């Protein structure tokens, strides 16, 4: 299982506010119920099979274009750990929490 963090930035919009675009991205992510996601103030984290994550990110990348953006910049970070079958968002956070205790 892979974890990917991505940020999508629409460029060439009529306003500096991006919350409408973010809401549309969220709606698209909800359509992909086979992949877990967590939105943060600065991006989105996905969890699932790597090939599927690429498909979902590609679909979400298209959303700003469909809503009038002339240009879109997407940054992606991937953590693809294959030595642990239980690598997940929660497992990563629990590992850090255990070390803080």
N, C-alpha and C. Protein backbone atom coordinates (compact mmCIF):
# COMPACT_ATOMS: atom_id res chain seq x y z
N UNK A 1 0.85 -1.18 0.00
CA UNK A 1 0.00 0.00 0.00
C UNK A 1 0.89 1.23 0.00
N UNK A 2 0.53 2.20 -0.81
CA UNK A 2 1.31 3.43 -0.92
C UNK A 2 0.53 4.60 -0.30
N UNK A 3 1.28 5.60 0.07
CA UNK A 3 0.69 6.85 0.56
C UNK A 3 1.24 7.96 -0.33
N UNK A 4 0.35 8.80 -0.82
CA UNK A 4 0.77 9.92 -1.66
C UNK A 4 0.18 11.20 -1.10
N UNK A 5 0.99 12.23 -1.12
CA UNK A 5 0.51 13.56 -0.75
C UNK A 5 0.61 14.42 -2.00
N UNK A 6 -0.46 15.13 -2.30
CA UNK A 6 -0.42 15.98 -3.48
C UNK A 6 -1.07 17.32 -3.20
N UNK A 7 -0.63 18.30 -3.96
CA UNK A 7 -1.17 19.65 -3.89
C UNK A 7 -1.47 20.10 -5.32
N UNK A 8 -2.67 20.58 -5.52
CA UNK A 8 -3.08 21.08 -6.83
C UNK A 8 -3.30 22.58 -6.73
N UNK A 9 -2.65 23.31 -7.61
CA UNK A 9 -2.76 24.77 -7.60
C UNK A 9 -3.27 25.25 -8.96
N UNK A 10 -4.52 25.75 -9.00
CA UNK A 10 -5.00 26.34 -10.24
C UNK A 10 -4.33 27.69 -10.46
N UNK A 11 -3.92 27.96 -11.67
CA UNK A 11 -3.25 29.22 -12.00
C UNK A 11 -4.06 29.92 -13.08
N UNK A 12 -4.10 31.22 -13.03
CA UNK A 12 -4.85 31.97 -14.03
C UNK A 12 -6.33 32.02 -13.72
N UNK A 13 -6.65 32.10 -12.44
CA UNK A 13 -8.05 32.19 -12.03
C UNK A 13 -8.42 33.66 -11.82
N UNK A 14 -9.69 33.92 -11.73
CA UNK A 14 -10.17 35.29 -11.59
C UNK A 14 -10.00 35.85 -10.18
N UNK A 15 -9.68 34.99 -9.21
CA UNK A 15 -9.60 35.42 -7.83
C UNK A 15 -8.45 34.69 -7.12
N UNK A 16 -7.99 35.25 -6.02
CA UNK A 16 -6.96 34.57 -5.23
C UNK A 16 -7.55 33.50 -4.32
N UNK A 17 -8.85 33.53 -4.10
CA UNK A 17 -9.50 32.51 -3.29
C UNK A 17 -9.59 31.20 -4.06
N UNK A 18 -9.20 30.12 -3.42
CA UNK A 18 -9.22 28.81 -4.08
C UNK A 18 -10.18 27.82 -3.42
N UNK A 19 -10.93 28.26 -2.40
CA UNK A 19 -11.78 27.32 -1.67
C UNK A 19 -12.84 26.66 -2.56
N UNK A 20 -13.33 27.36 -3.55
CA UNK A 20 -14.30 26.76 -4.48
C UNK A 20 -13.67 25.63 -5.27
N UNK A 21 -12.44 25.83 -5.70
CA UNK A 21 -11.71 24.76 -6.40
C UNK A 21 -11.46 23.58 -5.47
N UNK A 22 -11.08 23.87 -4.22
CA UNK A 22 -10.82 22.82 -3.25
C UNK A 22 -12.09 22.00 -3.00
N UNK A 23 -13.22 22.66 -2.90
CA UNK A 23 -14.49 21.94 -2.71
C UNK A 23 -14.77 21.02 -3.89
N UNK A 24 -14.50 21.49 -5.09
CA UNK A 24 -14.71 20.65 -6.28
C UNK A 24 -13.75 19.46 -6.29
N UNK A 25 -12.51 19.68 -5.84
CA UNK A 25 -11.55 18.57 -5.74
C UNK A 25 -12.04 17.53 -4.74
N UNK A 26 -12.60 18.00 -3.62
CA UNK A 26 -13.12 17.09 -2.60
C UNK A 26 -14.25 16.24 -3.17
N UNK A 27 -15.14 16.86 -3.93
CA UNK A 27 -16.24 16.11 -4.55
C UNK A 27 -15.71 15.01 -5.48
N UNK A 28 -14.66 15.33 -6.24
CA UNK A 28 -14.07 14.33 -7.13
C UNK A 28 -13.45 13.20 -6.32
N UNK A 29 -12.76 13.52 -5.25
CA UNK A 29 -12.14 12.49 -4.41
C UNK A 29 -13.20 11.56 -3.82
N UNK A 30 -14.34 12.09 -3.44
CA UNK A 30 -15.41 11.25 -2.88
C UNK A 30 -15.92 10.24 -3.89
N UNK A 31 -15.78 10.51 -5.17
CA UNK A 31 -16.22 9.58 -6.21
C UNK A 31 -15.34 8.32 -6.24
N UNK A 32 -14.16 8.39 -5.67
CA UNK A 32 -13.20 7.28 -5.70
C UNK A 32 -13.18 6.61 -4.33
N UNK A 33 -14.25 5.92 -4.00
CA UNK A 33 -14.44 5.38 -2.65
C UNK A 33 -13.48 4.23 -2.32
N UNK A 34 -12.78 3.71 -3.31
CA UNK A 34 -11.85 2.61 -3.06
C UNK A 34 -10.49 3.11 -2.54
N UNK A 35 -10.30 4.43 -2.52
CA UNK A 35 -9.05 5.02 -2.07
C UNK A 35 -9.35 5.92 -0.88
N UNK A 36 -8.59 5.74 0.21
CA UNK A 36 -8.79 6.59 1.39
C UNK A 36 -8.08 7.91 1.17
N UNK A 37 -8.69 9.00 1.64
CA UNK A 37 -8.04 10.30 1.53
C UNK A 37 -8.26 11.12 2.78
N UNK A 38 -7.35 12.05 2.98
CA UNK A 38 -7.44 13.00 4.09
C UNK A 38 -6.98 14.35 3.56
N UNK A 39 -7.88 15.31 3.58
CA UNK A 39 -7.51 16.65 3.15
C UNK A 39 -6.88 17.39 4.32
N UNK A 40 -5.89 18.23 4.02
CA UNK A 40 -5.23 19.06 5.02
C UNK A 40 -5.29 20.50 4.51
N UNK A 41 -4.91 21.47 5.32
CA UNK A 41 -4.94 22.86 4.85
C UNK A 41 -4.01 23.13 3.67
N UNK A 42 -3.00 22.27 3.47
CA UNK A 42 -2.01 22.53 2.42
C UNK A 42 -1.96 21.48 1.32
N UNK A 43 -2.82 20.47 1.38
CA UNK A 43 -2.79 19.41 0.38
C UNK A 43 -3.70 18.27 0.77
N UNK A 44 -3.53 17.14 0.10
CA UNK A 44 -4.36 15.97 0.33
C UNK A 44 -3.47 14.74 0.39
N UNK A 45 -3.81 13.82 1.29
CA UNK A 45 -3.09 12.56 1.43
C UNK A 45 -4.01 11.45 0.96
N UNK A 46 -3.48 10.57 0.12
CA UNK A 46 -4.21 9.40 -0.38
C UNK A 46 -3.52 8.14 0.08
N UNK A 47 -4.30 7.07 0.22
CA UNK A 47 -3.74 5.78 0.60
C UNK A 47 -4.39 4.71 -0.26
N UNK A 48 -3.56 3.86 -0.87
CA UNK A 48 -4.09 2.78 -1.69
C UNK A 48 -3.01 2.20 -2.58
N UNK A 49 -3.40 1.33 -3.50
CA UNK A 49 -2.42 0.78 -4.45
C UNK A 49 -1.84 1.90 -5.32
N UNK A 50 -0.55 1.86 -5.55
CA UNK A 50 0.14 2.95 -6.25
C UNK A 50 -0.48 3.28 -7.60
N UNK A 51 -0.76 2.29 -8.42
CA UNK A 51 -1.35 2.56 -9.73
C UNK A 51 -2.68 3.28 -9.60
N UNK A 52 -3.46 2.89 -8.60
CA UNK A 52 -4.77 3.52 -8.38
C UNK A 52 -4.59 4.97 -7.92
N UNK A 53 -3.59 5.23 -7.08
CA UNK A 53 -3.35 6.59 -6.63
C UNK A 53 -3.04 7.51 -7.81
N UNK A 54 -2.23 7.02 -8.75
CA UNK A 54 -1.93 7.81 -9.94
C UNK A 54 -3.21 8.12 -10.73
N UNK A 55 -4.10 7.15 -10.84
CA UNK A 55 -5.36 7.36 -11.56
C UNK A 55 -6.21 8.44 -10.88
N UNK A 56 -6.30 8.36 -9.56
CA UNK A 56 -7.11 9.32 -8.82
C UNK A 56 -6.50 10.72 -8.91
N UNK A 57 -5.19 10.83 -8.74
CA UNK A 57 -4.54 12.14 -8.84
C UNK A 57 -4.76 12.72 -10.23
N UNK A 58 -4.67 11.91 -11.25
CA UNK A 58 -4.91 12.38 -12.63
C UNK A 58 -6.33 12.93 -12.76
N UNK A 59 -7.30 12.21 -12.21
CA UNK A 59 -8.70 12.66 -12.29
C UNK A 59 -8.89 13.98 -11.55
N UNK A 60 -8.28 14.10 -10.38
CA UNK A 60 -8.42 15.32 -9.58
C UNK A 60 -7.67 16.48 -10.25
N UNK A 61 -6.55 16.20 -10.88
CA UNK A 61 -5.78 17.22 -11.59
C UNK A 61 -6.62 17.89 -12.68
N UNK A 62 -7.53 17.16 -13.29
CA UNK A 62 -8.37 17.69 -14.37
C UNK A 62 -9.47 18.62 -13.88
N UNK A 63 -9.85 18.52 -12.63
CA UNK A 63 -11.01 19.27 -12.11
C UNK A 63 -10.86 20.78 -12.27
N UNK A 64 -9.74 21.40 -11.91
CA UNK A 64 -9.65 22.85 -12.09
C UNK A 64 -9.81 23.29 -13.55
N UNK A 65 -9.31 22.48 -14.48
CA UNK A 65 -9.50 22.81 -15.90
C UNK A 65 -10.98 22.83 -16.26
N UNK A 66 -11.72 21.87 -15.72
CA UNK A 66 -13.15 21.79 -16.00
C UNK A 66 -13.91 22.97 -15.40
N UNK A 67 -13.27 23.63 -14.42
CA UNK A 67 -13.91 24.76 -13.74
C UNK A 67 -13.28 26.10 -14.09
N UNK A 68 -12.61 26.16 -15.25
CA UNK A 68 -12.17 27.44 -15.77
C UNK A 68 -10.72 27.81 -15.59
N UNK A 69 -9.93 27.02 -14.87
CA UNK A 69 -8.51 27.36 -14.71
C UNK A 69 -7.80 27.17 -16.05
N UNK A 70 -6.91 28.09 -16.37
CA UNK A 70 -6.17 28.01 -17.63
C UNK A 70 -4.89 27.19 -17.48
N UNK A 71 -4.45 27.01 -16.22
CA UNK A 71 -3.21 26.30 -15.96
C UNK A 71 -3.31 25.66 -14.58
N UNK A 72 -2.72 24.47 -14.42
CA UNK A 72 -2.77 23.77 -13.15
C UNK A 72 -1.39 23.21 -12.83
N UNK A 73 -0.92 23.46 -11.62
CA UNK A 73 0.35 22.91 -11.16
C UNK A 73 0.04 21.88 -10.08
N UNK A 74 0.53 20.66 -10.26
CA UNK A 74 0.29 19.58 -9.29
C UNK A 74 1.63 19.04 -8.82
N UNK A 75 1.81 19.02 -7.50
CA UNK A 75 3.01 18.45 -6.88
C UNK A 75 2.61 17.18 -6.16
N UNK A 76 3.46 16.14 -6.29
CA UNK A 76 3.15 14.83 -5.71
C UNK A 76 4.37 14.31 -4.93
N UNK A 77 4.12 13.81 -3.73
CA UNK A 77 5.12 13.08 -2.95
C UNK A 77 4.55 11.69 -2.69
N UNK A 78 5.39 10.66 -2.84
CA UNK A 78 4.93 9.29 -2.67
C UNK A 78 5.80 8.56 -1.67
N UNK A 79 5.14 7.85 -0.74
CA UNK A 79 5.81 6.95 0.19
C UNK A 79 5.30 5.55 -0.14
N UNK A 80 6.12 4.75 -0.78
CA UNK A 80 5.73 3.41 -1.22
C UNK A 80 6.59 2.40 -0.46
N UNK A 81 6.17 2.08 0.74
CA UNK A 81 6.94 1.17 1.59
C UNK A 81 6.45 -0.25 1.37
N UNK A 82 7.35 -1.13 0.97
CA UNK A 82 6.96 -2.50 0.62
C UNK A 82 7.48 -3.54 1.60
N UNK A 83 8.20 -3.10 2.63
CA UNK A 83 8.71 -4.07 3.60
C UNK A 83 7.75 -4.29 4.76
N UNK A 84 6.68 -3.50 4.84
CA UNK A 84 5.68 -3.65 5.89
C UNK A 84 4.30 -3.70 5.25
N UNK A 85 3.58 -4.78 5.42
CA UNK A 85 2.25 -4.88 4.79
C UNK A 85 1.21 -3.93 5.40
N UNK A 86 1.46 -3.46 6.61
CA UNK A 86 0.47 -2.60 7.28
C UNK A 86 0.82 -1.11 7.20
N UNK A 87 1.66 -0.72 6.27
CA UNK A 87 2.01 0.69 6.14
C UNK A 87 0.76 1.49 5.77
N UNK A 88 0.37 2.38 6.63
CA UNK A 88 -0.83 3.20 6.41
C UNK A 88 -0.63 4.55 7.06
N UNK A 89 -1.56 5.46 6.79
CA UNK A 89 -1.48 6.78 7.42
C UNK A 89 -1.48 6.64 8.94
N UNK A 90 -2.39 5.80 9.46
CA UNK A 90 -2.51 5.63 10.90
C UNK A 90 -1.26 4.98 11.48
N UNK A 91 -0.72 3.98 10.79
CA UNK A 91 0.47 3.28 11.28
C UNK A 91 1.64 4.25 11.39
N UNK A 92 1.79 5.13 10.42
CA UNK A 92 2.88 6.10 10.46
C UNK A 92 2.73 7.03 11.66
N UNK A 93 1.52 7.49 11.91
CA UNK A 93 1.28 8.39 13.05
C UNK A 93 1.44 7.66 14.39
N UNK A 94 0.99 6.41 14.46
CA UNK A 94 1.15 5.63 15.69
C UNK A 94 2.62 5.38 16.00
N UNK A 95 3.41 5.15 14.99
CA UNK A 95 4.83 4.92 15.17
C UNK A 95 5.50 6.14 15.80
N UNK A 96 5.16 7.32 15.33
CA UNK A 96 5.72 8.54 15.89
C UNK A 96 5.20 8.76 17.32
N UNK A 97 3.90 8.55 17.53
CA UNK A 97 3.32 8.73 18.86
C UNK A 97 3.97 7.81 19.88
N UNK A 98 4.27 6.58 19.49
CA UNK A 98 4.91 5.64 20.41
C UNK A 98 6.29 6.12 20.83
N UNK A 99 6.97 6.77 19.93
CA UNK A 99 8.32 7.27 20.24
C UNK A 99 8.26 8.53 21.11
N UNK A 100 7.14 9.23 21.08
CA UNK A 100 6.97 10.42 21.92
C UNK A 100 6.60 10.06 23.36
N UNK A 101 6.06 8.87 23.56
CA UNK A 101 5.61 8.43 24.89
C UNK A 101 6.78 8.05 25.76
